[in-house]
PDB file of all heavy atoms in Angstrom:
ATOM      1  N   ARG A   1     -29.089  10.334  12.548  1.00  0.00           N
ATOM      2  CA  ARG A   1     -28.070   9.599  13.297  1.00  0.00           C
ATOM      3  C   ARG A   1     -27.166   8.786  12.364  1.00  0.00           C
ATOM      4  O   ARG A   1     -25.897   8.844  12.506  1.00  0.00           O
ATOM      5  CB  ARG A   1     -28.753   8.641  14.302  1.00  0.00           C
ATOM      6  CG  ARG A   1     -27.787   7.803  15.150  1.00  0.00           C
ATOM      7  CD  ARG A   1     -28.446   6.525  15.639  1.00  0.00           C
ATOM      8  NE  ARG A   1     -28.699   5.622  14.530  1.00  0.00           N
ATOM      9  CZ  ARG A   1     -29.426   4.505  14.683  1.00  0.00           C
ATOM     10  NH1 ARG A   1     -29.963   4.192  15.820  1.00  0.00           N
ATOM     11  NH2 ARG A   1     -29.669   3.742  13.608  1.00  0.00           N
ATOM     12  N   ASP A   2     -27.766   8.062  11.414  1.00  0.00           N
ATOM     13  CA  ASP A   2     -27.012   7.210  10.548  1.00  0.00           C
ATOM     14  C   ASP A   2     -26.074   7.946   9.600  1.00  0.00           C
ATOM     15  O   ASP A   2     -25.061   7.436   9.178  1.00  0.00           O
ATOM     16  CB  ASP A   2     -27.968   6.277   9.757  1.00  0.00           C
ATOM     17  CG  ASP A   2     -28.703   5.334  10.663  1.00  0.00           C
ATOM     18  OD1 ASP A   2     -28.310   5.190  11.866  1.00  0.00           O
ATOM     19  OD2 ASP A   2     -29.676   4.681  10.202  1.00  0.00           O
ATOM     20  N   MET A   3     -26.419   9.188   9.246  1.00  0.00           N
ATOM     21  CA  MET A   3     -25.590  10.042   8.429  1.00  0.00           C
ATOM     22  C   MET A   3     -24.236  10.233   9.125  1.00  0.00           C
ATOM     23  O   MET A   3     -23.160  10.201   8.499  1.00  0.00           O
ATOM     24  CB  MET A   3     -26.169  11.378   8.133  1.00  0.00           C
ATOM     25  CG  MET A   3     -25.336  12.368   7.333  1.00  0.00           C
ATOM     26  SD  MET A   3     -26.139  13.929   7.019  1.00  0.00           S
ATOM     27  CE  MET A   3     -26.246  14.628   8.646  1.00  0.00           C
ATOM     28  N   VAL A   4     -24.315  10.418  10.446  1.00  0.00           N
ATOM     29  CA  VAL A   4     -23.078  10.606  11.267  1.00  0.00           C
ATOM     30  C   VAL A   4     -22.255   9.301  11.247  1.00  0.00           C
ATOM     31  O   VAL A   4     -21.029   9.377  11.068  1.00  0.00           O
ATOM     32  CB  VAL A   4     -23.439  11.021  12.691  1.00  0.00           C
ATOM     33  CG1 VAL A   4     -22.199  11.023  13.581  1.00  0.00           C
ATOM     34  CG2 VAL A   4     -24.095  12.394  12.725  1.00  0.00           C
ATOM     35  N   LEU A   5     -22.940   8.191  11.406  1.00  0.00           N
ATOM     36  CA  LEU A   5     -22.202   6.939  11.424  1.00  0.00           C
ATOM     37  C   LEU A   5     -21.586   6.623  10.083  1.00  0.00           C
ATOM     38  O   LEU A   5     -20.381   6.143  10.004  1.00  0.00           O
ATOM     39  CB  LEU A   5     -23.190   5.779  11.735  1.00  0.00           C
ATOM     40  CG  LEU A   5     -23.741   5.867  13.187  1.00  0.00           C
ATOM     41  CD1 LEU A   5     -24.746   4.745  13.434  1.00  0.00           C
ATOM     42  CD2 LEU A   5     -22.686   5.886  14.285  1.00  0.00           C
ATOM     43  N   VAL A   6     -22.252   6.910   8.971  1.00  0.00           N
ATOM     44  CA  VAL A   6     -21.682   6.681   7.666  1.00  0.00           C
ATOM     45  C   VAL A   6     -20.460   7.610   7.460  1.00  0.00           C
ATOM     46  O   VAL A   6     -19.450   7.195   6.906  1.00  0.00           O
ATOM     47  CB  VAL A   6     -22.739   6.969   6.580  1.00  0.00           C
ATOM     48  CG1 VAL A   6     -22.173   6.993   5.163  1.00  0.00           C
ATOM     49  CG2 VAL A   6     -23.870   5.910   6.638  1.00  0.00           C
ATOM     50  N   ALA A   7     -20.582   8.846   7.872  1.00  0.00           N
ATOM     51  CA  ALA A   7     -19.517   9.793   7.708  1.00  0.00           C
ATOM     52  C   ALA A   7     -18.268   9.382   8.538  1.00  0.00           C
ATOM     53  O   ALA A   7     -17.121   9.502   8.102  1.00  0.00           O
ATOM     54  CB  ALA A   7     -19.924  11.206   8.145  1.00  0.00           C
ATOM     55  N   LEU A   8     -18.472   8.904   9.761  1.00  0.00           N
ATOM     56  CA  LEU A   8     -17.382   8.474  10.594  1.00  0.00           C
ATOM     57  C   LEU A   8     -16.691   7.170  10.120  1.00  0.00           C
ATOM     58  O   LEU A   8     -15.544   6.972  10.456  1.00  0.00           O
ATOM     59  CB  LEU A   8     -17.873   8.203  12.051  1.00  0.00           C
ATOM     60  CG  LEU A   8     -18.226   9.468  12.825  1.00  0.00           C
ATOM     61  CD1 LEU A   8     -18.894   9.051  14.168  1.00  0.00           C
ATOM     62  CD2 LEU A   8     -17.003  10.327  13.132  1.00  0.00           C
ATOM     63  N   ALA A   9     -17.374   6.433   9.282  1.00  0.00           N
ATOM     64  CA  ALA A   9     -16.848   5.178   8.864  1.00  0.00           C
ATOM     65  C   ALA A   9     -15.553   5.307   8.062  1.00  0.00           C
ATOM     66  O   ALA A   9     -14.619   4.501   8.231  1.00  0.00           O
ATOM     67  CB  ALA A   9     -17.846   4.357   8.071  1.00  0.00           C
ATOM     68  N   GLY A  10     -15.466   6.310   7.244  1.00  0.00           N
ATOM     69  CA  GLY A  10     -14.280   6.493   6.387  1.00  0.00           C
ATOM     70  C   GLY A  10     -13.006   6.839   7.214  1.00  0.00           C
ATOM     71  O   GLY A  10     -12.041   6.086   7.146  1.00  0.00           O
ATOM     72  N   PRO A  11     -13.067   7.943   8.006  1.00  0.00           N
ATOM     73  CA  PRO A  11     -11.886   8.219   8.843  1.00  0.00           C
ATOM     74  C   PRO A  11     -11.586   7.114   9.869  1.00  0.00           C
ATOM     75  O   PRO A  11     -10.489   6.836  10.177  1.00  0.00           O
ATOM     76  CB  PRO A  11     -12.329   9.483   9.592  1.00  0.00           C
ATOM     77  CG  PRO A  11     -13.310  10.143   8.648  1.00  0.00           C
ATOM     78  CD  PRO A  11     -14.059   9.018   8.010  1.00  0.00           C
ATOM     79  N   GLY A  12     -12.683   6.440  10.350  1.00  0.00           N
ATOM     80  CA  GLY A  12     -12.482   5.350  11.320  1.00  0.00           C
ATOM     81  C   GLY A  12     -11.727   4.225  10.664  1.00  0.00           C
ATOM     82  O   GLY A  12     -10.868   3.583  11.252  1.00  0.00           O
ATOM     83  N   MET A  13     -12.055   3.914   9.405  1.00  0.00           N
ATOM     84  CA  MET A  13     -11.326   2.886   8.706  1.00  0.00           C
ATOM     85  C   MET A  13      -9.866   3.205   8.508  1.00  0.00           C
ATOM     86  O   MET A  13      -8.975   2.419   8.669  1.00  0.00           O
ATOM     87  CB  MET A  13     -12.032   2.631   7.322  1.00  0.00           C
ATOM     88  CG  MET A  13     -11.210   1.673   6.428  1.00  0.00           C
ATOM     89  SD  MET A  13     -10.971   0.036   7.080  1.00  0.00           S
ATOM     90  CE  MET A  13     -12.634  -0.622   6.835  1.00  0.00           C
ATOM     91  N   ASN A  14      -9.620   4.467   8.199  1.00  0.00           N
ATOM     92  CA  ASN A  14      -8.208   4.936   7.996  1.00  0.00           C
ATOM     93  C   ASN A  14      -7.411   4.840   9.322  1.00  0.00           C
ATOM     94  O   ASN A  14      -6.239   4.396   9.295  1.00  0.00           O
ATOM     95  CB  ASN A  14      -8.157   6.356   7.505  1.00  0.00           C
ATOM     96  CG  ASN A  14      -8.659   6.440   6.033  1.00  0.00           C
ATOM     97  OD1 ASN A  14      -9.544   7.250   5.738  1.00  0.00           O
ATOM     98  ND2 ASN A  14      -8.046   5.641   5.169  1.00  0.00           N
ATOM     99  N   LEU A  15      -8.025   5.175  10.438  1.00  0.00           N
ATOM    100  CA  LEU A  15      -7.321   5.083  11.718  1.00  0.00           C
ATOM    101  C   LEU A  15      -7.090   3.621  12.047  1.00  0.00           C
ATOM    102  O   LEU A  15      -6.062   3.215  12.626  1.00  0.00           O
ATOM    103  CB  LEU A  15      -8.120   5.776  12.789  1.00  0.00           C
ATOM    104  CG  LEU A  15      -8.156   7.259  12.654  1.00  0.00           C
ATOM    105  CD1 LEU A  15      -9.008   7.876  13.856  1.00  0.00           C
ATOM    106  CD2 LEU A  15      -6.762   7.874  12.762  1.00  0.00           C
ATOM    107  N   LEU A  16      -8.061   2.696  11.756  1.00  0.00           N
ATOM    108  CA  LEU A  16      -7.864   1.292  11.997  1.00  0.00           C
ATOM    109  C   LEU A  16      -6.724   0.749  11.169  1.00  0.00           C
ATOM    110  O   LEU A  16      -5.858   0.041  11.670  1.00  0.00           O
ATOM    111  CB  LEU A  16      -9.178   0.552  11.639  1.00  0.00           C
ATOM    112  CG  LEU A  16      -9.092  -1.000  11.722  1.00  0.00           C
ATOM    113  CD1 LEU A  16      -8.784  -1.430  13.170  1.00  0.00           C
ATOM    114  CD2 LEU A  16     -10.398  -1.604  11.230  1.00  0.00           C
ATOM    115  N   LEU A  17      -6.633   1.126   9.876  1.00  0.00           N
ATOM    116  CA  LEU A  17      -5.571   0.677   9.057  1.00  0.00           C
ATOM    117  C   LEU A  17      -4.217   1.201   9.480  1.00  0.00           C
ATOM    118  O   LEU A  17      -3.222   0.495   9.516  1.00  0.00           O
ATOM    119  CB  LEU A  17      -5.836   1.134   7.564  1.00  0.00           C
ATOM    120  CG  LEU A  17      -7.020   0.559   6.815  1.00  0.00           C
ATOM    121  CD1 LEU A  17      -7.239   1.221   5.453  1.00  0.00           C
ATOM    122  CD2 LEU A  17      -6.761  -1.008   6.631  1.00  0.00           C
ATOM    123  N   ALA A  18      -4.206   2.483   9.906  1.00  0.00           N
ATOM    124  CA  ALA A  18      -2.936   3.060  10.471  1.00  0.00           C
ATOM    125  C   ALA A  18      -2.513   2.287  11.667  1.00  0.00           C
ATOM    126  O   ALA A  18      -1.291   1.988  11.862  1.00  0.00           O
ATOM    127  CB  ALA A  18      -3.182   4.512  10.778  1.00  0.00           C
ATOM    128  N   GLY A  19      -3.419   1.938  12.584  1.00  0.00           N
ATOM    129  CA  GLY A  19      -3.058   1.209  13.775  1.00  0.00           C
ATOM    130  C   GLY A  19      -2.499  -0.182  13.462  1.00  0.00           C
ATOM    131  O   GLY A  19      -1.575  -0.612  14.024  1.00  0.00           O
ATOM    132  N   LEU A  20      -3.208  -0.904  12.563  1.00  0.00           N
ATOM    133  CA  LEU A  20      -2.735  -2.265  12.162  1.00  0.00           C
ATOM    134  C   LEU A  20      -1.358  -2.167  11.561  1.00  0.00           C
ATOM    135  O   LEU A  20      -0.441  -3.008  11.787  1.00  0.00           O
ATOM    136  CB  LEU A  20      -3.749  -2.921  11.286  1.00  0.00           C
ATOM    137  CG  LEU A  20      -5.138  -3.224  11.934  1.00  0.00           C
ATOM    138  CD1 LEU A  20      -6.073  -3.766  10.795  1.00  0.00           C
ATOM    139  CD2 LEU A  20      -4.978  -4.239  13.019  1.00  0.00           C
ATOM    140  N   ALA A  21      -1.181  -1.178  10.652  1.00  0.00           N
ATOM    141  CA  ALA A  21       0.095  -1.028   9.980  1.00  0.00           C
ATOM    142  C   ALA A  21       1.242  -0.669  10.972  1.00  0.00           C
ATOM    143  O   ALA A  21       2.356  -1.202  10.903  1.00  0.00           O
ATOM    144  CB  ALA A  21       0.051  -0.002   8.922  1.00  0.00           C
ATOM    145  N   ALA A  22       0.918   0.152  11.965  1.00  0.00           N
ATOM    146  CA  ALA A  22       1.892   0.505  12.938  1.00  0.00           C
ATOM    147  C   ALA A  22       2.273  -0.674  13.782  1.00  0.00           C
ATOM    148  O   ALA A  22       3.525  -0.825  14.153  1.00  0.00           O
ATOM    149  CB  ALA A  22       1.349   1.617  13.861  1.00  0.00           C
ATOM    150  N   LEU A  23       1.321  -1.475  14.159  1.00  0.00           N
ATOM    151  CA  LEU A  23       1.664  -2.769  14.917  1.00  0.00           C
ATOM    152  C   LEU A  23       2.576  -3.638  14.098  1.00  0.00           C
ATOM    153  O   LEU A  23       3.599  -4.215  14.597  1.00  0.00           O
ATOM    154  CB  LEU A  23       0.362  -3.527  15.287  1.00  0.00           C
ATOM    155  CG  LEU A  23      -0.516  -2.873  16.344  1.00  0.00           C
ATOM    156  CD1 LEU A  23      -1.817  -3.646  16.492  1.00  0.00           C
ATOM    157  CD2 LEU A  23       0.239  -2.835  17.725  1.00  0.00           C
ATOM    158  N   ALA A  24       2.273  -3.830  12.786  1.00  0.00           N
ATOM    159  CA  ALA A  24       3.104  -4.682  11.933  1.00  0.00           C
ATOM    160  C   ALA A  24       4.489  -4.029  11.826  1.00  0.00           C
ATOM    161  O   ALA A  24       5.502  -4.825  11.851  1.00  0.00           O
ATOM    162  CB  ALA A  24       2.473  -4.785  10.563  1.00  0.00           C
ATOM    163  N   LEU A  25       4.583  -2.720  11.761  1.00  0.00           N
ATOM    164  CA  LEU A  25       5.852  -2.083  11.634  1.00  0.00           C
ATOM    165  C   LEU A  25       6.729  -2.289  12.900  1.00  0.00           C
ATOM    166  O   LEU A  25       7.924  -2.703  12.831  1.00  0.00           O
ATOM    167  CB  LEU A  25       5.655  -0.580  11.400  1.00  0.00           C
ATOM    168  CG  LEU A  25       6.852   0.239  11.049  1.00  0.00           C
ATOM    169  CD1 LEU A  25       7.489  -0.145   9.737  1.00  0.00           C
ATOM    170  CD2 LEU A  25       6.495   1.732  11.053  1.00  0.00           C
ATOM    171  N   HIS A  26       6.106  -2.120  14.042  1.00  0.00           N
ATOM    172  CA  HIS A  26       6.912  -2.172  15.306  1.00  0.00           C
ATOM    173  C   HIS A  26       7.263  -3.665  15.740  1.00  0.00           C
ATOM    174  O   HIS A  26       8.338  -3.855  16.234  1.00  0.00           O
ATOM    175  CB  HIS A  26       6.095  -1.510  16.434  1.00  0.00           C
ATOM    176  CG  HIS A  26       6.044  -0.015  16.371  1.00  0.00           C
ATOM    177  ND1 HIS A  26       7.197   0.746  16.505  1.00  0.00           N
ATOM    178  CD2 HIS A  26       5.032   0.885  16.123  1.00  0.00           C
ATOM    179  CE1 HIS A  26       6.960   2.030  16.358  1.00  0.00           C
ATOM    180  NE2 HIS A  26       5.594   2.122  16.173  1.00  0.00           N
TER     181      HIS A  26
END
């Protein structure tokens, strides 16, 4: 189970950063 969570953390972080940057942009 935790292998899945560790793997998802990287793309999840990138989507979080993209969302925050998009909010700052708009």
